[in-house]
All heavy atoms as atom14 arrays in JSON, in Angstrom:
{
  "sequence": "WQARSSFAPQAFLIGIATIVLIVALRRLAPRFPGLIVAVAVTSL",
  "atom14_mask": [
    [1, 1, 1, 1, 1, 1, 1, 1, 1, 1, 1, 1, 1, 1],
    [1, 1, 1, 1, 1, 1, 1, 1, 1, 0, 0, 0, 0, 0],
    [1, 1, 1, 1, 1, 0, 0, 0, 0, 0, 0, 0, 0, 0],
    [1, 1, 1, 1, 1, 1, 1, 1, 1, 1, 1, 0, 0, 0],
    [1, 1, 1, 1, 1, 1, 0, 0, 0, 0, 0, 0, 0, 0],
    [1, 1, 1, 1, 1, 1, 0, 0, 0, 0, 0, 0, 0, 0],
    [1, 1, 1, 1, 1, 1, 1, 1, 1, 1, 1, 0, 0, 0],
    [1, 1, 1, 1, 1, 0, 0, 0, 0, 0, 0, 0, 0, 0],
    [1, 1, 1, 1, 1, 1, 1, 0, 0, 0, 0, 0, 0, 0],
    [1, 1, 1, 1, 1, 1, 1, 1, 1, 0, 0, 0, 0, 0],
    [1, 1, 1, 1, 1, 0, 0, 0, 0, 0, 0, 0, 0, 0],
    [1, 1, 1, 1, 1, 1, 1, 1, 1, 1, 1, 0, 0, 0],
    [1, 1, 1, 1, 1, 1, 1, 1, 0, 0, 0, 0, 0, 0],
    [1, 1, 1, 1, 1, 1, 1, 1, 0, 0, 0, 0, 0, 0],
    [1, 1, 1, 1, 0, 0, 0, 0, 0, 0, 0, 0, 0, 0],
    [1, 1, 1, 1, 1, 1, 1, 1, 0, 0, 0, 0, 0, 0],
    [1, 1, 1, 1, 1, 0, 0, 0, 0, 0, 0, 0, 0, 0],
    [1, 1, 1, 1, 1, 1, 1, 0, 0, 0, 0, 0, 0, 0],
    [1, 1, 1, 1, 1, 1, 1, 1, 0, 0, 0, 0, 0, 0],
    [1, 1, 1, 1, 1, 1, 1, 0, 0, 0, 0, 0, 0, 0],
    [1, 1, 1, 1, 1, 1, 1, 1, 0, 0, 0, 0, 0, 0],
    [1, 1, 1, 1, 1, 1, 1, 1, 0, 0, 0, 0, 0, 0],
    [1, 1, 1, 1, 1, 1, 1, 0, 0, 0, 0, 0, 0, 0],
    [1, 1, 1, 1, 1, 0, 0, 0, 0, 0, 0, 0, 0, 0],
    [1, 1, 1, 1, 1, 1, 1, 1, 0, 0, 0, 0, 0, 0],
    [1, 1, 1, 1, 1, 1, 1, 1, 1, 1, 1, 0, 0, 0],
    [1, 1, 1, 1, 1, 1, 1, 1, 1, 1, 1, 0, 0, 0],
    [1, 1, 1, 1, 1, 1, 1, 1, 0, 0, 0, 0, 0, 0],
    [1, 1, 1, 1, 1, 0, 0, 0, 0, 0, 0, 0, 0, 0],
    [1, 1, 1, 1, 1, 1, 1, 0, 0, 0, 0, 0, 0, 0],
    [1, 1, 1, 1, 1, 1, 1, 1, 1, 1, 1, 0, 0, 0],
    [1, 1, 1, 1, 1, 1, 1, 1, 1, 1, 1, 0, 0, 0],
    [1, 1, 1, 1, 1, 1, 1, 0, 0, 0, 0, 0, 0, 0],
    [1, 1, 1, 1, 0, 0, 0, 0, 0, 0, 0, 0, 0, 0],
    [1, 1, 1, 1, 1, 1, 1, 1, 0, 0, 0, 0, 0, 0],
    [1, 1, 1, 1, 1, 1, 1, 1, 0, 0, 0, 0, 0, 0],
    [1, 1, 1, 1, 1, 1, 1, 0, 0, 0, 0, 0, 0, 0],
    [1, 1, 1, 1, 1, 0, 0, 0, 0, 0, 0, 0, 0, 0],
    [1, 1, 1, 1, 1, 1, 1, 0, 0, 0, 0, 0, 0, 0],
    [1, 1, 1, 1, 1, 0, 0, 0, 0, 0, 0, 0, 0, 0],
    [1, 1, 1, 1, 1, 1, 1, 0, 0, 0, 0, 0, 0, 0],
    [1, 1, 1, 1, 1, 1, 1, 0, 0, 0, 0, 0, 0, 0],
    [1, 1, 1, 1, 1, 1, 0, 0, 0, 0, 0, 0, 0, 0],
    [1, 1, 1, 1, 1, 1, 1, 1, 0, 0, 0, 0, 0, 0]
  ],
  "atom14_positions": [
    [[0.83, -1.2, 0.0], [0.0, 0.0, 0.0], [0.87, 1.26, 0.0], [0.58, 2.23, -0.71], [-0.93, -0.01, 1.2], [-1.81, 1.21, 1.3], [-1.73, 2.21, 2.22], [-2.9, 1.54, 0.44], [-2.69, 3.16, 1.99], [-3.43, 2.77, 0.9], [-3.47, 0.93, -0.68], [-4.51, 3.4, 0.28], [-4.54, 1.55, -1.3], [-5.05, 2.77, -0.82]],
    [[1.95, 1.24, 0.76], [2.84, 2.39, 0.82], [3.53, 2.65, -0.52], [3.9, 3.79, -0.83], [3.89, 2.19, 1.91], [3.34, 2.29, 3.32], [4.36, 1.93, 4.39], [5.51, 1.62, 4.08], [3.93, 1.96, 5.65], [0.0, 0.0, 0.0], [0.0, 0.0, 0.0], [0.0, 0.0, 0.0], [0.0, 0.0, 0.0], [0.0, 0.0, 0.0]],
    [[3.68, 1.6, -1.34], [4.37, 1.73, -2.63], [3.39, 1.95, -3.78], [3.79, 1.9, -4.94], [5.2, 0.48, -2.89], [0.0, 0.0, 0.0], [0.0, 0.0, 0.0], [0.0, 0.0, 0.0], [0.0, 0.0, 0.0], [0.0, 0.0, 0.0], [0.0, 0.0, 0.0], [0.0, 0.0, 0.0], [0.0, 0.0, 0.0], [0.0, 0.0, 0.0]],
    [[2.13, 2.25, -3.47], [1.1, 2.33, -4.53], [1.4, 3.43, -5.54], [1.0, 3.32, -6.72], [-0.27, 2.54, -3.91], [-0.44, 3.85, -3.16], [-1.77, 3.86, -2.39], [-1.99, 5.13, -1.7], [-1.46, 5.45, -0.52], [-0.66, 4.6, 0.11], [-1.74, 6.62, 0.05], [0.0, 0.0, 0.0], [0.0, 0.0, 0.0], [0.0, 0.0, 0.0]],
    [[2.13, 4.45, -5.14], [2.42, 5.55, -6.07], [3.4, 5.14, -7.17], [3.52, 5.83, -8.18], [2.99, 6.75, -5.32], [4.19, 6.4, -4.65], [0.0, 0.0, 0.0], [0.0, 0.0, 0.0], [0.0, 0.0, 0.0], [0.0, 0.0, 0.0], [0.0, 0.0, 0.0], [0.0, 0.0, 0.0], [0.0, 0.0, 0.0], [0.0, 0.0, 0.0]],
    [[4.09, 3.99, -6.98], [5.06, 3.53, -7.99], [4.43, 2.58, -9.0], [5.15, 1.92, -9.77], [6.25, 2.84, -7.3], [5.82, 1.7, -6.57], [0.0, 0.0, 0.0], [0.0, 0.0, 0.0], [0.0, 0.0, 0.0], [0.0, 0.0, 0.0], [0.0, 0.0, 0.0], [0.0, 0.0, 0.0], [0.0, 0.0, 0.0], [0.0, 0.0, 0.0]],
    [[3.11, 2.5, -9.0], [2.39, 1.61, -9.92], [2.86, 1.83, -11.37], [2.94, 2.97, -11.85], [0.89, 1.86, -9.8], [0.05, 1.16, -10.83], [-0.15, -0.22, -10.77], [-0.54, 1.87, -11.87], [-0.92, -0.86, -11.71], [-1.32, 1.24, -12.81], [-1.51, -0.14, -12.74], [0.0, 0.0, 0.0], [0.0, 0.0, 0.0], [0.0, 0.0, 0.0]],
    [[3.17, 0.73, -12.07], [3.66, 0.8, -13.46], [2.61, 0.2, -14.4], [2.44, -1.02, -14.43], [4.98, 0.06, -13.59], [0.0, 0.0, 0.0], [0.0, 0.0, 0.0], [0.0, 0.0, 0.0], [0.0, 0.0, 0.0], [0.0, 0.0, 0.0], [0.0, 0.0, 0.0], [0.0, 0.0, 0.0], [0.0, 0.0, 0.0], [0.0, 0.0, 0.0]],
    [[1.91, 1.02, -15.18], [0.85, 0.51, -16.06], [1.34, -0.54, -17.06], [0.62, -1.5, -17.36], [0.35, 1.77, -16.79], [0.76, 2.91, -15.91], [2.03, 2.49, -15.25], [0.0, 0.0, 0.0], [0.0, 0.0, 0.0], [0.0, 0.0, 0.0], [0.0, 0.0, 0.0], [0.0, 0.0, 0.0], [0.0, 0.0, 0.0], [0.0, 0.0, 0.0]],
    [[2.58, -0.37, -17.58], [3.09, -1.33, -18.57], [3.22, -2.72, -17.96], [2.85, -3.72, -18.59], [4.46, -0.88, -19.1], [4.44, 0.47, -19.79], [4.84, 1.59, -18.85], [4.62, 1.5, -17.64], [5.42, 2.65, -19.41], [0.0, 0.0, 0.0], [0.0, 0.0, 0.0], [0.0, 0.0, 0.0], [0.0, 0.0, 0.0], [0.0, 0.0, 0.0]],
    [[3.76, -2.79, -16.75], [3.91, -4.09, -16.08], [2.54, -4.71, -15.82], [2.34, -5.92, -16.04], [4.67, -3.91, -14.77], [0.0, 0.0, 0.0], [0.0, 0.0, 0.0], [0.0, 0.0, 0.0], [0.0, 0.0, 0.0], [0.0, 0.0, 0.0], [0.0, 0.0, 0.0], [0.0, 0.0, 0.0], [0.0, 0.0, 0.0], [0.0, 0.0, 0.0]],
    [[1.59, -3.89, -15.37], [0.24, -4.39, -15.07], [-0.43, -4.95, -16.32], [-1.05, -6.02, -16.27], [-0.6, -3.27, -14.47], [-1.96, -3.7, -14.01], [-2.1, -4.59, -12.95], [-3.1, -3.24, -14.65], [-3.36, -5.0, -12.53], [-4.35, -3.64, -14.23], [-4.48, -4.53, -13.17], [0.0, 0.0, 0.0], [0.0, 0.0, 0.0], [0.0, 0.0, 0.0]],
    [[-0.28, -4.25, -17.45], [-0.89, -4.73, -18.69], [-0.28, -6.05, -19.14], [-0.99, -6.94, -19.63], [-0.71, -3.67, -19.79], [-1.6, -2.43, -19.66], [-1.21, -1.39, -20.7], [-3.08, -2.81, -19.79], [0.0, 0.0, 0.0], [0.0, 0.0, 0.0], [0.0, 0.0, 0.0], [0.0, 0.0, 0.0], [0.0, 0.0, 0.0], [0.0, 0.0, 0.0]],
    [[1.04, -6.2, -18.97], [1.69, -7.47, -19.33], [1.18, -8.6, -18.44], [0.89, -9.71, -18.91], [3.23, -7.33, -19.22], [3.77, -6.4, -20.32], [3.91, -8.7, -19.3], [3.53, -6.91, -21.73], [0.0, 0.0, 0.0], [0.0, 0.0, 0.0], [0.0, 0.0, 0.0], [0.0, 0.0, 0.0], [0.0, 0.0, 0.0], [0.0, 0.0, 0.0]],
    [[1.06, -8.34, -17.14], [0.56, -9.36, -16.22], [-0.87, -9.77, -16.52], [-1.19, -10.96, -16.56], [0.0, 0.0, 0.0], [0.0, 0.0, 0.0], [0.0, 0.0, 0.0], [0.0, 0.0, 0.0], [0.0, 0.0, 0.0], [0.0, 0.0, 0.0], [0.0, 0.0, 0.0], [0.0, 0.0, 0.0], [0.0, 0.0, 0.0], [0.0, 0.0, 0.0]],
    [[-1.74, -8.78, -16.75], [-3.14, -9.06, -17.06], [-3.26, -9.79, -18.39], [-4.05, -10.74, -18.54], [-3.97, -7.77, -17.07], [-4.02, -7.16, -15.67], [-5.37, -8.03, -17.59], [-4.66, -8.05, -14.61], [0.0, 0.0, 0.0], [0.0, 0.0, 0.0], [0.0, 0.0, 0.0], [0.0, 0.0, 0.0], [0.0, 0.0, 0.0], [0.0, 0.0, 0.0]],
    [[-2.47, -9.37, -19.39], [-2.5, -10.05, -20.69], [-2.09, -11.51, -20.55], [-2.66, -12.4, -21.21], [-1.56, -9.33, -21.67], [0.0, 0.0, 0.0], [0.0, 0.0, 0.0], [0.0, 0.0, 0.0], [0.0, 0.0, 0.0], [0.0, 0.0, 0.0], [0.0, 0.0, 0.0], [0.0, 0.0, 0.0], [0.0, 0.0, 0.0], [0.0, 0.0, 0.0]],
    [[-1.12, -11.79, -19.69], [-0.69, -13.17, -19.45], [-1.82, -13.99, -18.84], [-2.08, -15.13, -19.26], [0.54, -13.2, -18.52], [1.58, -12.4, -19.08], [1.05, -14.63, -18.35], [0.0, 0.0, 0.0], [0.0, 0.0, 0.0], [0.0, 0.0, 0.0], [0.0, 0.0, 0.0], [0.0, 0.0, 0.0], [0.0, 0.0, 0.0], [0.0, 0.0, 0.0]],
    [[-2.5, -13.43, -17.87], [-3.62, -14.12, -17.22], [-4.72, -14.42, -18.24], [-5.24, -15.55, -18.3], [-4.19, -13.27, -16.06], [-3.16, -13.17, -14.92], [-5.49, -13.87, -15.53], [-3.54, -12.2, -13.82], [0.0, 0.0, 0.0], [0.0, 0.0, 0.0], [0.0, 0.0, 0.0], [0.0, 0.0, 0.0], [0.0, 0.0, 0.0], [0.0, 0.0, 0.0]],
    [[-5.06, -13.43, -19.05], [-6.11, -13.61, -20.06], [-5.72, -14.7, -21.05], [-6.54, -15.56, -21.42], [-6.39, -12.28, -20.79], [-7.31, -12.51, -21.98], [-7.02, -11.28, -19.82], [0.0, 0.0, 0.0], [0.0, 0.0, 0.0], [0.0, 0.0, 0.0], [0.0, 0.0, 0.0], [0.0, 0.0, 0.0], [0.0, 0.0, 0.0], [0.0, 0.0, 0.0]],
    [[-4.46, -14.69, -21.5], [-4.0, -15.7, -22.45], [-4.05, -17.1, -21.85], [-4.46, -18.06, -22.51], [-2.57, -15.38, -22.9], [-2.43, -14.43, -24.1], [-0.96, -14.1, -24.32], [-3.03, -15.04, -25.35], [0.0, 0.0, 0.0], [0.0, 0.0, 0.0], [0.0, 0.0, 0.0], [0.0, 0.0, 0.0], [0.0, 0.0, 0.0], [0.0, 0.0, 0.0]],
    [[-3.61, -17.23, -20.61], [-3.62, -18.54, -19.95], [-5.04, -19.08, -19.86], [-5.32, -20.23, -20.21], [-2.98, -18.46, -18.55], [-1.48, -18.22, -18.66], [-3.24, -19.75, -17.77], [-0.81, -17.93, -17.32], [0.0, 0.0, 0.0], [0.0, 0.0, 0.0], [0.0, 0.0, 0.0], [0.0, 0.0, 0.0], [0.0, 0.0, 0.0], [0.0, 0.0, 0.0]],
    [[-5.96, -18.24, -19.39], [-7.35, -18.66, -19.24], [-7.96, -19.01, -20.6], [-8.65, -20.03, -20.75], [-8.18, -17.56, -18.54], [-9.66, -17.92, -18.53], [-7.68, -17.35, -17.11], [0.0, 0.0, 0.0], [0.0, 0.0, 0.0], [0.0, 0.0, 0.0], [0.0, 0.0, 0.0], [0.0, 0.0, 0.0], [0.0, 0.0, 0.0], [0.0, 0.0, 0.0]],
    [[-7.68, -18.18, -21.61], [-8.24, -18.43, -22.95], [-7.7, -19.72, -23.54], [-8.47, -20.53, -24.1], [-7.9, -17.25, -23.87], [0.0, 0.0, 0.0], [0.0, 0.0, 0.0], [0.0, 0.0, 0.0], [0.0, 0.0, 0.0], [0.0, 0.0, 0.0], [0.0, 0.0, 0.0], [0.0, 0.0, 0.0], [0.0, 0.0, 0.0], [0.0, 0.0, 0.0]],
    [[-6.4, -19.96, -23.41], [-5.82, -21.17, -23.96], [-6.3, -22.42, -23.23], [-6.45, -23.49, -23.83], [-4.29, -21.09, -23.92], [-3.66, -20.11, -24.93], [-2.18, -19.91, -24.65], [-3.87, -20.63, -26.35], [0.0, 0.0, 0.0], [0.0, 0.0, 0.0], [0.0, 0.0, 0.0], [0.0, 0.0, 0.0], [0.0, 0.0, 0.0], [0.0, 0.0, 0.0]],
    [[-6.54, -22.29, -21.93], [-7.08, -23.45, -21.18], [-8.46, -23.83, -21.68], [-8.81, -25.0, -21.74], [-7.15, -23.11, -19.68], [-5.83, -23.26, -18.95], [-6.0, -23.03, -17.47], [-4.77, -23.28, -16.74], [-4.62, -23.1, -15.44], [-5.64, -22.65, -14.72], [-3.46, -23.36, -14.85], [0.0, 0.0, 0.0], [0.0, 0.0, 0.0], [0.0, 0.0, 0.0]],
    [[-9.26, -22.83, -22.04], [-10.62, -23.12, -22.5], [-10.63, -23.59, -23.95], [-11.39, -24.49, -24.31], [-11.48, -21.87, -22.33], [-11.76, -21.52, -20.88], [-12.71, -20.35, -20.75], [-13.02, -20.07, -19.35], [-13.83, -19.1, -18.94], [-14.42, -18.31, -19.83], [-14.05, -18.91, -17.66], [0.0, 0.0, 0.0], [0.0, 0.0, 0.0], [0.0, 0.0, 0.0]],
    [[-9.82, -22.95, -24.79], [-9.85, -23.25, -26.22], [-9.03, -24.48, -26.58], [-9.38, -25.21, -27.51], [-9.34, -22.04, -27.01], [-10.16, -20.75, -26.87], [-9.47, -19.6, -27.59], [-11.57, -20.96, -27.42], [0.0, 0.0, 0.0], [0.0, 0.0, 0.0], [0.0, 0.0, 0.0], [0.0, 0.0, 0.0], [0.0, 0.0, 0.0], [0.0, 0.0, 0.0]],
    [[-7.92, -24.7, -25.87], [-7.03, -25.83, -26.19], [-6.47, -26.4, -24.88], [-5.31, -26.17, -24.54], [-5.9, -25.38, -27.11], [0.0, 0.0, 0.0], [0.0, 0.0, 0.0], [0.0, 0.0, 0.0], [0.0, 0.0, 0.0], [0.0, 0.0, 0.0], [0.0, 0.0, 0.0], [0.0, 0.0, 0.0], [0.0, 0.0, 0.0], [0.0, 0.0, 0.0]],
    [[-7.3, -27.12, -24.11], [-6.88, -27.58, -22.79], [-5.67, -28.5, -22.78], [-4.97, -28.6, -21.78], [-8.13, -28.3, -22.25], [-8.98, -28.58, -23.45], [-8.68, -27.51, -24.43], [0.0, 0.0, 0.0], [0.0, 0.0, 0.0], [0.0, 0.0, 0.0], [0.0, 0.0, 0.0], [0.0, 0.0, 0.0], [0.0, 0.0, 0.0], [0.0, 0.0, 0.0]],
    [[-5.39, -29.18, -23.9], [-4.22, -30.07, -23.95], [-2.95, -29.33, -24.37], [-1.87, -29.88, -24.31], [-4.48, -31.22, -24.92], [-5.54, -32.19, -24.44], [-5.48, -33.48, -25.25], [-6.39, -34.49, -24.72], [-6.36, -35.76, -25.06], [-5.48, -36.17, -25.96], [-7.2, -36.63, -24.55], [0.0, 0.0, 0.0], [0.0, 0.0, 0.0], [0.0, 0.0, 0.0]],
    [[-3.11, -28.11, -24.8], [-1.97, -27.32, -25.29], [-1.21, -26.75, -24.1], [-1.83, -26.33, -23.11], [-2.5, -26.19, -26.17], [-1.47, -25.52, -27.01], [-0.85, -26.21, -28.04], [-1.12, -24.21, -26.78], [0.1, -25.58, -28.83], [-0.18, -23.57, -27.56], [0.44, -24.27, -28.59], [0.0, 0.0, 0.0], [0.0, 0.0, 0.0], [0.0, 0.0, 0.0]],
    [[0.15, -26.7, -24.13], [0.92, -26.13, -23.02], [0.8, -24.61, -22.99], [1.73, -23.88, -23.33], [2.35, -26.6, -23.31], [2.41, -26.8, -24.78], [1.03, -27.27, -25.17], [0.0, 0.0, 0.0], [0.0, 0.0, 0.0], [0.0, 0.0, 0.0], [0.0, 0.0, 0.0], [0.0, 0.0, 0.0], [0.0, 0.0, 0.0], [0.0, 0.0, 0.0]],
    [[-0.37, -24.14, -22.58], [-0.68, -22.72, -22.66], [0.14, -21.84, -21.75], [0.33, -20.65, -22.03], [0.0, 0.0, 0.0], [0.0, 0.0, 0.0], [0.0, 0.0, 0.0], [0.0, 0.0, 0.0], [0.0, 0.0, 0.0], [0.0, 0.0, 0.0], [0.0, 0.0, 0.0], [0.0, 0.0, 0.0], [0.0, 0.0, 0.0], [0.0, 0.0, 0.0]],
    [[0.63, -22.38, -20.61], [1.38, -21.56, -19.67], [2.62, -20.96, -20.32], [2.85, -19.76, -20.26], [1.78, -22.38, -18.44], [0.66, -22.87, -17.52], [1.26, -23.57, -16.31], [-0.22, -21.72, -17.09], [0.0, 0.0, 0.0], [0.0, 0.0, 0.0], [0.0, 0.0, 0.0], [0.0, 0.0, 0.0], [0.0, 0.0, 0.0], [0.0, 0.0, 0.0]],
    [[3.43, -21.82, -20.94], [4.68, -21.32, -21.51], [4.4, -20.45, -22.73], [5.12, -19.47, -23.0], [5.64, -22.48, -21.86], [7.05, -21.91, -22.08], [5.17, -23.27, -23.06], [8.14, -22.95, -22.1], [0.0, 0.0, 0.0], [0.0, 0.0, 0.0], [0.0, 0.0, 0.0], [0.0, 0.0, 0.0], [0.0, 0.0, 0.0], [0.0, 0.0, 0.0]],
    [[3.35, -20.76, -23.49], [3.01, -19.95, -24.65], [2.6, -18.54, -24.21], [3.06, -17.53, -24.75], [1.88, -20.6, -25.47], [1.39, -19.64, -26.56], [2.36, -21.9, -26.09], [0.0, 0.0, 0.0], [0.0, 0.0, 0.0], [0.0, 0.0, 0.0], [0.0, 0.0, 0.0], [0.0, 0.0, 0.0], [0.0, 0.0, 0.0], [0.0, 0.0, 0.0]],
    [[1.74, -18.45, -23.18], [1.28, -17.15, -22.69], [2.43, -16.32, -22.15], [2.56, -15.13, -22.48], [0.22, -17.37, -21.61], [0.0, 0.0, 0.0], [0.0, 0.0, 0.0], [0.0, 0.0, 0.0], [0.0, 0.0, 0.0], [0.0, 0.0, 0.0], [0.0, 0.0, 0.0], [0.0, 0.0, 0.0], [0.0, 0.0, 0.0], [0.0, 0.0, 0.0]],
    [[3.27, -16.94, -21.32], [4.41, -16.21, -20.74], [5.39, -15.79, -21.83], [5.94, -14.68, -21.82], [5.1, -17.07, -19.66], [6.4, -16.41, -19.19], [4.18, -17.29, -18.48], [0.0, 0.0, 0.0], [0.0, 0.0, 0.0], [0.0, 0.0, 0.0], [0.0, 0.0, 0.0], [0.0, 0.0, 0.0], [0.0, 0.0, 0.0], [0.0, 0.0, 0.0]],
    [[5.63, -16.67, -22.8], [6.56, -16.36, -23.88], [6.04, -15.22, -24.77], [6.8, -14.32, -25.15], [6.81, -17.61, -24.73], [0.0, 0.0, 0.0], [0.0, 0.0, 0.0], [0.0, 0.0, 0.0], [0.0, 0.0, 0.0], [0.0, 0.0, 0.0], [0.0, 0.0, 0.0], [0.0, 0.0, 0.0], [0.0, 0.0, 0.0], [0.0, 0.0, 0.0]],
    [[4.75, -15.25, -25.08], [4.17, -14.22, -25.96], [4.25, -12.84, -25.31], [4.67, -11.85, -25.93], [2.71, -14.57, -26.31], [1.99, -13.37, -26.93], [2.67, -15.76, -27.26], [0.0, 0.0, 0.0], [0.0, 0.0, 0.0], [0.0, 0.0, 0.0], [0.0, 0.0, 0.0], [0.0, 0.0, 0.0], [0.0, 0.0, 0.0], [0.0, 0.0, 0.0]],
    [[3.84, -12.74, -24.04], [3.87, -11.43, -23.38], [5.3, -10.97, -23.1], [5.59, -9.77, -23.15], [3.06, -11.47, -22.07], [3.49, -12.58, -21.26], [1.57, -11.64, -22.36], [0.0, 0.0, 0.0], [0.0, 0.0, 0.0], [0.0, 0.0, 0.0], [0.0, 0.0, 0.0], [0.0, 0.0, 0.0], [0.0, 0.0, 0.0], [0.0, 0.0, 0.0]],
    [[6.2, -11.91, -22.82], [7.61, -11.54, -22.63], [8.22, -11.06, -23.94], [9.03, -10.12, -23.95], [8.4, -12.73, -22.09], [7.93, -13.12, -20.81], [0.0, 0.0, 0.0], [0.0, 0.0, 0.0], [0.0, 0.0, 0.0], [0.0, 0.0, 0.0], [0.0, 0.0, 0.0], [0.0, 0.0, 0.0], [0.0, 0.0, 0.0], [0.0, 0.0, 0.0]],
    [[7.83, -11.68, -25.05], [8.3, -11.23, -26.36], [7.79, -9.82, -26.66], [8.52, -8.99, -27.24], [7.83, -12.21, -27.44], [8.28, -11.92, -28.88], [9.81, -11.97, -28.99], [7.65, -12.92, -29.85], [0.0, 0.0, 0.0], [0.0, 0.0, 0.0], [0.0, 0.0, 0.0], [0.0, 0.0, 0.0], [0.0, 0.0, 0.0], [0.0, 0.0, 0.0]]
  ]
}
């Protein structure tokens, strides 16, 4: 809470995009290794 003023929108968007990708890949292709794909895509 004390560090709330240092909030970084770019980091937050990358984190949220990763969550969305993981959830979407789990639903659309449950056998696909979605974790590494999601993390790799947002890191790229």
